[in-house]
């Protein structure tokens, strides 16, 4: 029983961490924020663009990225798996 509680706590932490770390509402928005952060780190400018993009973000781009990577998973689980860069053969 303790093991199941432990697995549940770790699973919940893994699910909610991207949302808390990226300060977003859903895992798909967190995936979008991570992708945007990675791309803007390569460019010198972008703070205004990043703020505007994150404000307008509703998670659709992250959802599409997750569906491309993991078509058999639900959107939220796919976004979490894509956020953590899980190898595709682990989830299939």
N, C-alpha and C. Protein backbone atom coordinates (compact mmCIF):
# COMPACT_ATOMS: atom_id res chain seq x y z
N UNK A 1 0.82 -1.19 0.00
CA UNK A 1 0.00 0.00 0.00
C UNK A 1 0.86 1.26 0.00
N UNK A 2 1.94 1.23 0.79
CA UNK A 2 2.83 2.39 0.83
C UNK A 2 3.48 2.62 -0.53
N UNK A 3 3.76 1.52 -1.21
CA UNK A 3 4.37 1.64 -2.53
C UNK A 3 3.43 2.32 -3.51
N UNK A 4 2.15 1.98 -3.46
CA UNK A 4 1.18 2.60 -4.35
C UNK A 4 1.03 4.09 -4.06
N UNK A 5 1.06 4.46 -2.80
CA UNK A 5 0.99 5.87 -2.42
C UNK A 5 2.24 6.59 -2.94
N UNK A 6 3.39 5.96 -2.77
CA UNK A 6 4.64 6.55 -3.25
C UNK A 6 4.61 6.76 -4.77
N UNK A 7 4.16 5.75 -5.50
CA UNK A 7 4.08 5.86 -6.96
C UNK A 7 3.08 6.95 -7.34
N UNK A 8 1.98 7.06 -6.63
CA UNK A 8 1.00 8.11 -6.91
C UNK A 8 1.56 9.50 -6.66
N UNK A 9 2.30 9.66 -5.58
CA UNK A 9 2.89 10.97 -5.25
C UNK A 9 3.94 11.35 -6.29
N UNK A 10 4.80 10.40 -6.67
CA UNK A 10 5.83 10.67 -7.67
C UNK A 10 5.19 10.97 -9.03
N UNK A 11 4.16 10.22 -9.38
CA UNK A 11 3.45 10.47 -10.65
C UNK A 11 2.79 11.84 -10.67
N UNK A 12 2.16 12.21 -9.56
CA UNK A 12 1.52 13.53 -9.50
C UNK A 12 2.56 14.64 -9.56
N UNK A 13 3.69 14.45 -8.89
CA UNK A 13 4.75 15.45 -8.93
C UNK A 13 5.31 15.60 -10.35
N UNK A 14 5.49 14.47 -11.02
CA UNK A 14 6.01 14.52 -12.40
C UNK A 14 5.00 15.18 -13.33
N UNK A 15 3.73 14.99 -13.09
CA UNK A 15 2.69 15.59 -13.93
C UNK A 15 2.59 17.10 -13.71
N UNK A 16 2.65 17.53 -12.45
CA UNK A 16 2.43 18.94 -12.16
C UNK A 16 3.70 19.79 -12.19
N UNK A 17 4.88 19.18 -12.17
CA UNK A 17 6.12 19.95 -12.16
C UNK A 17 6.23 20.89 -13.36
N UNK A 18 5.99 20.42 -14.61
CA UNK A 18 6.14 21.35 -15.74
C UNK A 18 5.24 22.58 -15.63
N UNK A 19 4.03 22.40 -15.13
CA UNK A 19 3.11 23.51 -15.00
C UNK A 19 3.60 24.52 -13.96
N UNK A 20 4.14 24.02 -12.88
CA UNK A 20 4.62 24.90 -11.81
C UNK A 20 5.91 25.59 -12.25
N UNK A 21 6.82 24.84 -12.85
CA UNK A 21 8.11 25.39 -13.25
C UNK A 21 7.96 26.45 -14.34
N UNK A 22 7.10 26.19 -15.30
CA UNK A 22 6.91 27.12 -16.41
C UNK A 22 5.83 28.17 -16.11
N UNK A 23 5.18 28.06 -14.96
CA UNK A 23 4.14 28.98 -14.52
C UNK A 23 2.99 29.07 -15.53
N UNK A 24 2.47 27.90 -15.90
CA UNK A 24 1.37 27.82 -16.85
C UNK A 24 0.23 27.03 -16.23
N UNK A 25 -0.86 26.90 -16.96
CA UNK A 25 -2.04 26.23 -16.43
C UNK A 25 -2.17 24.77 -16.83
N UNK A 26 -1.59 24.37 -17.94
CA UNK A 26 -1.73 22.99 -18.42
C UNK A 26 -0.37 22.45 -18.85
N UNK A 27 -0.22 21.12 -18.93
CA UNK A 27 1.04 20.56 -19.40
C UNK A 27 1.37 20.96 -20.84
N UNK A 28 0.36 21.14 -21.67
CA UNK A 28 0.61 21.52 -23.06
C UNK A 28 1.10 22.96 -23.16
N UNK A 29 0.61 23.84 -22.31
CA UNK A 29 1.13 25.20 -22.27
C UNK A 29 2.57 25.20 -21.75
N UNK A 30 2.86 24.31 -20.79
CA UNK A 30 4.23 24.21 -20.29
C UNK A 30 5.18 23.72 -21.38
N UNK A 31 4.72 22.80 -22.20
CA UNK A 31 5.53 22.32 -23.32
C UNK A 31 5.80 23.45 -24.30
N UNK A 32 4.79 24.25 -24.59
CA UNK A 32 4.98 25.41 -25.47
C UNK A 32 5.99 26.38 -24.87
N UNK A 33 5.87 26.63 -23.57
CA UNK A 33 6.79 27.56 -22.91
C UNK A 33 8.22 27.05 -22.96
N UNK A 34 8.40 25.74 -22.78
CA UNK A 34 9.75 25.16 -22.84
C UNK A 34 10.32 25.28 -24.25
N UNK A 35 9.51 24.97 -25.25
CA UNK A 35 9.97 25.08 -26.63
C UNK A 35 10.32 26.53 -26.98
N UNK A 36 9.50 27.45 -26.53
CA UNK A 36 9.77 28.86 -26.78
C UNK A 36 11.05 29.30 -26.07
N UNK A 37 11.22 28.87 -24.83
CA UNK A 37 12.42 29.22 -24.08
C UNK A 37 13.67 28.67 -24.75
N UNK A 38 13.61 27.44 -25.23
CA UNK A 38 14.77 26.85 -25.92
C UNK A 38 15.10 27.62 -27.19
N UNK A 39 14.09 28.01 -27.95
CA UNK A 39 14.33 28.73 -29.19
C UNK A 39 14.79 30.16 -28.96
N UNK A 40 14.28 30.81 -27.93
CA UNK A 40 14.68 32.19 -27.66
C UNK A 40 16.03 32.27 -27.00
N UNK A 41 16.50 31.20 -26.35
CA UNK A 41 17.83 31.21 -25.79
C UNK A 41 18.89 31.33 -26.88
N UNK A 42 18.55 30.87 -28.07
CA UNK A 42 19.48 30.92 -29.18
C UNK A 42 19.50 32.30 -29.84
N UNK A 43 18.52 33.11 -29.57
CA UNK A 43 18.43 34.44 -30.18
C UNK A 43 18.69 35.50 -29.12
N UNK A 44 19.29 36.59 -29.52
CA UNK A 44 19.62 37.65 -28.56
C UNK A 44 18.37 38.38 -28.09
N UNK A 45 17.51 38.76 -29.02
CA UNK A 45 16.29 39.49 -28.65
C UNK A 45 15.16 38.50 -28.45
N UNK A 46 14.08 38.99 -27.86
CA UNK A 46 12.93 38.12 -27.76
C UNK A 46 12.12 38.25 -26.50
N UNK A 47 12.49 39.10 -25.56
CA UNK A 47 11.74 39.15 -24.31
C UNK A 47 10.31 39.65 -24.53
N UNK A 48 10.13 40.62 -25.41
CA UNK A 48 8.78 41.12 -25.68
C UNK A 48 7.99 40.06 -26.45
N UNK A 49 8.65 39.45 -27.42
CA UNK A 49 7.99 38.41 -28.21
C UNK A 49 7.63 37.22 -27.33
N UNK A 50 8.53 36.84 -26.44
CA UNK A 50 8.26 35.71 -25.55
C UNK A 50 7.08 35.99 -24.64
N UNK A 51 7.05 37.17 -24.06
CA UNK A 51 5.94 37.53 -23.19
C UNK A 51 4.61 37.55 -23.91
N UNK A 52 4.61 38.08 -25.09
CA UNK A 52 3.38 38.14 -25.89
C UNK A 52 2.93 36.75 -26.30
N UNK A 53 3.87 35.93 -26.73
CA UNK A 53 3.53 34.58 -27.17
C UNK A 53 3.00 33.74 -26.02
N UNK A 54 3.63 33.83 -24.86
CA UNK A 54 3.16 33.05 -23.71
C UNK A 54 1.80 33.54 -23.23
N UNK A 55 1.54 34.81 -23.38
CA UNK A 55 0.24 35.34 -22.98
C UNK A 55 -0.86 34.82 -23.90
N UNK A 56 -0.56 34.72 -25.18
CA UNK A 56 -1.56 34.28 -26.15
C UNK A 56 -1.64 32.76 -26.26
N UNK A 57 -0.73 32.06 -25.65
CA UNK A 57 -0.66 30.61 -25.76
C UNK A 57 -1.85 29.95 -25.06
N UNK A 58 -2.45 28.98 -25.75
CA UNK A 58 -3.54 28.23 -25.14
C UNK A 58 -3.27 26.73 -25.11
N UNK A 59 -2.08 26.31 -25.52
CA UNK A 59 -1.71 24.90 -25.46
C UNK A 59 -1.92 24.12 -26.73
N UNK A 60 -2.47 24.74 -27.77
CA UNK A 60 -2.73 23.99 -29.00
C UNK A 60 -1.45 23.54 -29.69
N UNK A 61 -0.44 24.40 -29.73
CA UNK A 61 0.82 24.01 -30.36
C UNK A 61 1.47 22.86 -29.59
N UNK A 62 1.47 22.94 -28.27
CA UNK A 62 2.02 21.86 -27.46
C UNK A 62 1.25 20.56 -27.64
N UNK A 63 -0.07 20.68 -27.76
CA UNK A 63 -0.92 19.50 -27.98
C UNK A 63 -0.58 18.84 -29.32
N UNK A 64 -0.37 19.65 -30.35
CA UNK A 64 -0.01 19.10 -31.67
C UNK A 64 1.37 18.46 -31.64
N UNK A 65 2.30 19.08 -30.93
CA UNK A 65 3.64 18.50 -30.80
C UNK A 65 3.56 17.14 -30.11
N UNK A 66 2.76 17.05 -29.06
CA UNK A 66 2.62 15.80 -28.33
C UNK A 66 1.91 14.74 -29.16
N UNK A 67 0.90 15.13 -29.93
CA UNK A 67 0.20 14.17 -30.78
C UNK A 67 1.11 13.63 -31.87
N UNK A 68 2.03 14.46 -32.36
CA UNK A 68 2.99 13.98 -33.36
C UNK A 68 3.97 12.99 -32.75
N UNK A 69 4.40 13.26 -31.53
CA UNK A 69 5.38 12.39 -30.87
C UNK A 69 4.75 11.10 -30.35
N UNK A 70 3.61 11.24 -29.69
CA UNK A 70 2.96 10.10 -29.02
C UNK A 70 1.48 10.06 -29.41
N UNK A 71 1.16 9.53 -30.57
CA UNK A 71 -0.24 9.57 -31.02
C UNK A 71 -1.20 8.69 -30.21
N UNK A 72 -0.69 7.70 -29.48
CA UNK A 72 -1.57 6.80 -28.74
C UNK A 72 -1.89 7.29 -27.33
N UNK A 73 -1.18 8.31 -26.86
CA UNK A 73 -1.41 8.83 -25.51
C UNK A 73 -2.44 9.95 -25.54
N UNK A 74 -3.15 10.15 -24.42
CA UNK A 74 -4.00 11.34 -24.31
C UNK A 74 -3.12 12.61 -24.39
N UNK A 75 -3.72 13.71 -24.76
CA UNK A 75 -2.96 14.93 -25.01
C UNK A 75 -2.13 15.37 -23.80
N UNK A 76 -2.72 15.37 -22.62
CA UNK A 76 -1.99 15.84 -21.44
C UNK A 76 -0.81 14.93 -21.12
N UNK A 77 -1.00 13.62 -21.20
CA UNK A 77 0.10 12.68 -20.93
C UNK A 77 1.17 12.80 -22.00
N UNK A 78 0.77 13.01 -23.25
CA UNK A 78 1.73 13.20 -24.32
C UNK A 78 2.54 14.47 -24.13
N UNK A 79 1.90 15.53 -23.66
CA UNK A 79 2.61 16.78 -23.40
C UNK A 79 3.64 16.60 -22.29
N UNK A 80 3.28 15.87 -21.25
CA UNK A 80 4.24 15.62 -20.16
C UNK A 80 5.41 14.77 -20.66
N UNK A 81 5.11 13.73 -21.44
CA UNK A 81 6.18 12.87 -21.98
C UNK A 81 7.08 13.66 -22.91
N UNK A 82 6.52 14.53 -23.73
CA UNK A 82 7.32 15.34 -24.64
C UNK A 82 8.12 16.38 -23.86
N UNK A 83 7.55 16.93 -22.79
CA UNK A 83 8.26 17.91 -21.97
C UNK A 83 9.53 17.31 -21.40
N UNK A 84 9.43 16.06 -20.93
CA UNK A 84 10.59 15.39 -20.32
C UNK A 84 11.48 14.71 -21.36
N UNK A 85 11.14 14.78 -22.65
CA UNK A 85 11.94 14.17 -23.72
C UNK A 85 12.12 12.67 -23.51
N UNK A 86 11.03 11.98 -23.17
CA UNK A 86 11.10 10.52 -23.05
C UNK A 86 11.39 9.92 -24.41
N UNK A 87 12.22 8.88 -24.47
CA UNK A 87 12.38 8.16 -25.75
C UNK A 87 11.06 7.56 -26.18
N UNK A 88 10.79 7.57 -27.47
CA UNK A 88 9.50 7.13 -27.98
C UNK A 88 9.24 5.66 -27.68
N UNK A 89 10.27 4.83 -27.67
CA UNK A 89 10.04 3.40 -27.46
C UNK A 89 9.70 3.07 -26.01
N UNK A 90 9.88 3.98 -25.07
CA UNK A 90 9.48 3.74 -23.69
C UNK A 90 7.97 3.80 -23.53
N UNK A 91 7.32 4.63 -24.34
CA UNK A 91 5.89 4.89 -24.15
C UNK A 91 5.03 4.04 -25.07
N UNK A 92 5.53 3.64 -26.19
CA UNK A 92 4.72 2.90 -27.15
C UNK A 92 4.41 1.55 -26.69
